[in-house]
C-alpha atoms as a PDB file:
ATOM      1  CA  MET A   1       2.044  86.746   9.609  1.00  0.00           C
ATOM      2  CA  THR A   2       0.226  90.012   9.050  1.00  0.00           C
ATOM      3  CA  LYS A   3       2.755  91.468   6.500  1.00  0.00           C
ATOM      4  CA  TRP A   4       2.320  88.507   4.685  1.00  0.00           C
ATOM      5  CA  LEU A   5      -0.958  88.334   4.948  1.00  0.00           C
ATOM      6  CA  ASN A   6      -1.602  92.024   3.790  1.00  0.00           C
ATOM      7  CA  ARG A   7       0.315  90.903   0.557  1.00  0.00           C
ATOM      8  CA  TRP A   8      -0.574  87.820  -0.355  1.00  0.00           C
ATOM      9  CA  LEU A   9      -4.384  89.680  -0.189  1.00  0.00           C
ATOM     10  CA  TYR A  10      -3.074  92.150  -2.025  1.00  0.00           C
ATOM     11  CA  LEU A  11      -1.414  90.401  -4.950  1.00  0.00           C
ATOM     12  CA  LYS A  12      -4.961  88.120  -5.449  1.00  0.00           C
ATOM     13  CA  VAL A  13      -6.740  91.930  -5.549  1.00  0.00           C
ATOM     14  CA  ARG A  14      -4.693  92.743  -8.278  1.00  0.00           C
ATOM     15  CA  ASP A  15      -4.630  89.456  -9.863  1.00  0.00           C
ATOM     16  CA  MET A  16      -8.608  89.582 -10.326  1.00  0.00           C
ATOM     17  CA  TRP A  17      -8.332  92.819 -11.865  1.00  0.00           C
ATOM     18  CA  ASP A  18      -5.727  92.646 -13.745  1.00  0.00           C
ATOM     19  CA  ASN A  19      -7.551  89.707 -15.065  1.00  0.00           C
ATOM     20  CA  ARG A  20     -11.121  90.952 -13.678  1.00  0.00           C
ATOM     21  CA  HIS A  21     -12.460  89.500 -17.806  1.00  0.00           C
ATOM     22  CA  LYS A  22     -11.959  86.154 -17.530  1.00  0.00           C
ATOM     23  CA  TYR A  23     -13.821  86.461 -13.782  1.00  0.00           C
ATOM     24  CA  GLU A  24     -16.810  87.489 -15.560  1.00  0.00           C
ATOM     25  CA  ALA A  25     -16.529  84.953 -18.815  1.00  0.00           C
ATOM     26  CA  GLN A  26     -17.101  82.535 -15.530  1.00  0.00           C
ATOM     27  CA  ILE A  27     -19.461  84.271 -13.423  1.00  0.00           C
ATOM     28  CA  GLU A  28     -21.535  85.004 -16.851  1.00  0.00           C
ATOM     29  CA  GLU A  29     -20.844  81.161 -17.889  1.00  0.00           C
ATOM     30  CA  ALA A  30     -22.596  80.084 -14.619  1.00  0.00           C
ATOM     31  CA  GLU A  31     -25.289  82.157 -15.204  1.00  0.00           C
ATOM     32  CA  TYR A  32     -26.412  81.469 -18.358  1.00  0.00           C
ATOM     33  CA  LYS A  33     -25.727  77.430 -17.452  1.00  0.00           C
ATOM     34  CA  HIS A  34     -28.368  78.689 -14.192  1.00  0.00           C
ATOM     35  CA  ARG A  35     -31.077  79.854 -16.822  1.00  0.00           C
ATOM     36  CA  ILE A  36     -31.025  77.247 -18.865  1.00  0.00           C
ATOM     37  CA  SER A  37     -31.288  74.169 -17.154  1.00  0.00           C
ATOM     38  CA  SER A  38     -34.447  76.761 -15.017  1.00  0.00           C
ATOM     39  CA  ASN A  39     -35.851  76.956 -18.244  1.00  0.00           C
ATOM     40  CA  LYS A  40     -35.315  72.958 -19.238  1.00  0.00           C
ATOM     41  CA  MET A  41     -37.384  73.009 -15.656  1.00  0.00           C
ATOM     42  CA  SER A  42     -40.398  74.709 -16.629  1.00  0.00           C
ATOM     43  CA  GLY A  43     -40.083  74.539 -20.192  1.00  0.00           C
ATOM     44  CA  LEU A  44     -39.934  77.145 -22.761  1.00  0.00           C
ATOM     45  CA  GLN A  45     -40.887  80.622 -21.510  1.00  0.00           C
ATOM     46  CA  MET A  46     -42.100  83.514 -23.991  1.00  0.00           C
ATOM     47  CA  GLY A  47     -41.646  82.479 -27.384  1.00  0.00           C
ATOM     48  CA  THR A  48     -38.067  81.355 -26.619  1.00  0.00           C
ATOM     49  CA  ALA A  49     -36.520  78.327 -27.801  1.00  0.00           C
ATOM     50  CA  MET A  50     -32.679  76.982 -26.608  1.00  0.00           C
ATOM     51  CA  VAL A  51     -30.817  74.243 -28.460  1.00  0.00           C
ATOM     52  CA  GLU A  52     -27.759  73.413 -27.370  1.00  0.00           C
ATOM     53  CA  ARG A  53     -24.847  70.920 -28.512  1.00  0.00           C
ATOM     54  CA  GLY A  54     -23.213  69.442 -25.749  1.00  0.00           C
ATOM     55  CA  ALA A  55     -19.012  70.264 -24.383  1.00  0.00           C
ATOM     56  CA  ALA A  56     -16.718  67.928 -25.371  1.00  0.00           C
ATOM     57  CA  GLU A  57     -13.244  68.519 -23.601  1.00  0.00           C
ATOM     58  CA  GLY A  58     -10.997  70.213 -26.056  1.00  0.00           C
ATOM     59  CA  GLN A  59     -13.699  71.418 -28.490  1.00  0.00           C
ATOM     60  CA  ASP A  60     -15.493  74.975 -28.933  1.00  0.00           C
ATOM     61  CA  ARG A  61     -18.909  74.486 -27.034  1.00  0.00           C
ATOM     62  CA  ILE A  62     -22.091  76.455 -29.683  1.00  0.00           C
ATOM     63  CA  THR A  63     -25.359  77.596 -27.689  1.00  0.00           C
ATOM     64  CA  PHE A  64     -28.283  78.947 -30.016  1.00  0.00           C
ATOM     65  CA  GLU A  65     -31.223  80.687 -29.365  1.00  0.00           C
ATOM     66  CA  LEU A  66     -34.502  81.583 -31.144  1.00  0.00           C
ATOM     67  CA  THR A  67     -36.613  84.071 -30.406  1.00  0.00           C
ATOM     68  CA  ALA A  68     -40.162  85.172 -31.763  1.00  0.00           C
ATOM     69  CA  ALA A  69     -39.631  88.734 -33.071  1.00  0.00           C
ATOM     70  CA  VAL A  70     -42.174  90.884 -34.719  1.00  0.00           C
ATOM     71  CA  GLY A  71     -41.921  89.856 -38.587  1.00  0.00           C
ATOM     72  CA  GLY A  72     -39.453  86.701 -38.406  1.00  0.00           C
ATOM     73  CA  ARG A  73     -37.422  85.479 -35.811  1.00  0.00           C
ATOM     74  CA  ILE A  74     -33.705  85.818 -35.175  1.00  0.00           C
ATOM     75  CA  LEU A  75     -31.289  83.612 -33.896  1.00  0.00           C
ATOM     76  CA  ASN A  76     -28.513  84.344 -31.532  1.00  0.00           C
ATOM     77  CA  VAL A  77     -25.638  81.813 -31.732  1.00  0.00           C
ATOM     78  CA  ARG A  78     -22.819  81.986 -29.170  1.00  0.00           C
ATOM     79  CA  ARG A  79     -19.908  80.476 -29.225  1.00  0.00           C
ATOM     80  CA  TYR A  80     -17.705  80.177 -26.918  1.00  0.00           C
ATOM     81  CA  ASP A  81     -12.992  78.837 -27.264  1.00  0.00           C
ATOM     82  CA  GLU A  82     -12.183  77.651 -24.197  1.00  0.00           C
ATOM     83  CA  ARG A  83      -8.430  77.503 -25.339  1.00  0.00           C
ATOM     84  CA  LYS A  84      -8.633  81.207 -26.625  1.00  0.00           C
ATOM     85  CA  ASP A  85     -11.099  81.866 -23.301  1.00  0.00           C
ATOM     86  CA  ARG A  86     -13.230  83.964 -25.426  1.00  0.00           C
ATOM     87  CA  HIS A  87     -16.506  84.570 -26.651  1.00  0.00           C
ATOM     88  CA  ASP A  88     -18.158  85.540 -30.160  1.00  0.00           C
ATOM     89  CA  ASN A  89     -21.834  85.699 -30.740  1.00  0.00           C
ATOM     90  CA  GLN A  90     -23.407  86.451 -33.450  1.00  0.00           C
ATOM     91  CA  THR A  91     -27.413  87.641 -34.888  1.00  0.00           C
ATOM     92  CA  TYR A  92     -29.307  85.934 -37.590  1.00  0.00           C
ATOM     93  CA  VAL A  93     -32.034  86.888 -38.526  1.00  0.00           C
ATOM     94  CA  ILE A  94     -34.377  85.323 -40.296  1.00  0.00           C
ATOM     95  CA  PRO A  95     -37.922  87.457 -42.518  1.00  0.00           C
ATOM     96  CA  SER A  96     -40.871  85.750 -41.288  1.00  0.00           C
ATOM     97  CA  GLY A  97     -42.029  83.437 -44.452  1.00  0.00           C
ATOM     98  CA  GLU A  98     -39.143  81.575 -44.755  1.00  0.00           C
ATOM     99  CA  ASP A  99     -39.007  77.696 -43.490  1.00  0.00           C
ATOM    100  CA  VAL A 100     -36.847  78.805 -40.025  1.00  0.00           C
ATOM    101  CA  GLY A 101     -36.075  74.941 -39.417  1.00  0.00           C
ATOM    102  CA  ALA A 102     -34.015  75.066 -43.358  1.00  0.00           C
ATOM    103  CA  ARG A 103     -32.625  78.568 -42.174  1.00  0.00           C
ATOM    104  CA  VAL A 104     -31.705  77.121 -38.895  1.00  0.00           C
ATOM    105  CA  ALA A 105     -30.164  74.267 -40.277  1.00  0.00           C
ATOM    106  CA  LYS A 106     -27.709  76.330 -42.705  1.00  0.00           C
ATOM    107  CA  ILE A 107     -26.931  78.527 -40.478  1.00  0.00           C
ATOM    108  CA  LEU A 108     -25.759  76.084 -37.738  1.00  0.00           C
ATOM    109  CA  ASN A 109     -23.225  74.688 -41.237  1.00  0.00           C
ATOM    110  CA  LEU A 110     -22.055  77.998 -41.467  1.00  0.00           C
ATOM    111  CA  GLU A 111     -21.061  78.357 -37.773  1.00  0.00           C
ATOM    112  CA  LEU A 112     -19.196  74.374 -37.668  1.00  0.00           C
ATOM    113  CA  ILE A 113     -17.043  75.277 -40.988  1.00  0.00           C
ATOM    114  CA  LYS A 114     -15.772  78.732 -38.613  1.00  0.00           C
END
């Protein structure tokens, strides 16, 4: 019985090590969702606004984070493709003086086309 348990444990640990990127992505996703839910409860903090598109089965998930910066705004776009189990990040800079709403709309349309 002990031999079987040792072998099973060894195979599980090795699988976790070989596929650690999947496990790390799952942990990161859970922590990100926790941060989002706590931000929604406490309101917007430190000049950060979050916009999310609901994730439907079989579709890509896109998350936006708009942050105030010196000289403008920073828009981080995060995509998660469930089929490929992959995260893609893109950062855009919106200089002060530009219409933030119009620029975010253009970036959103660009990301949806991808």
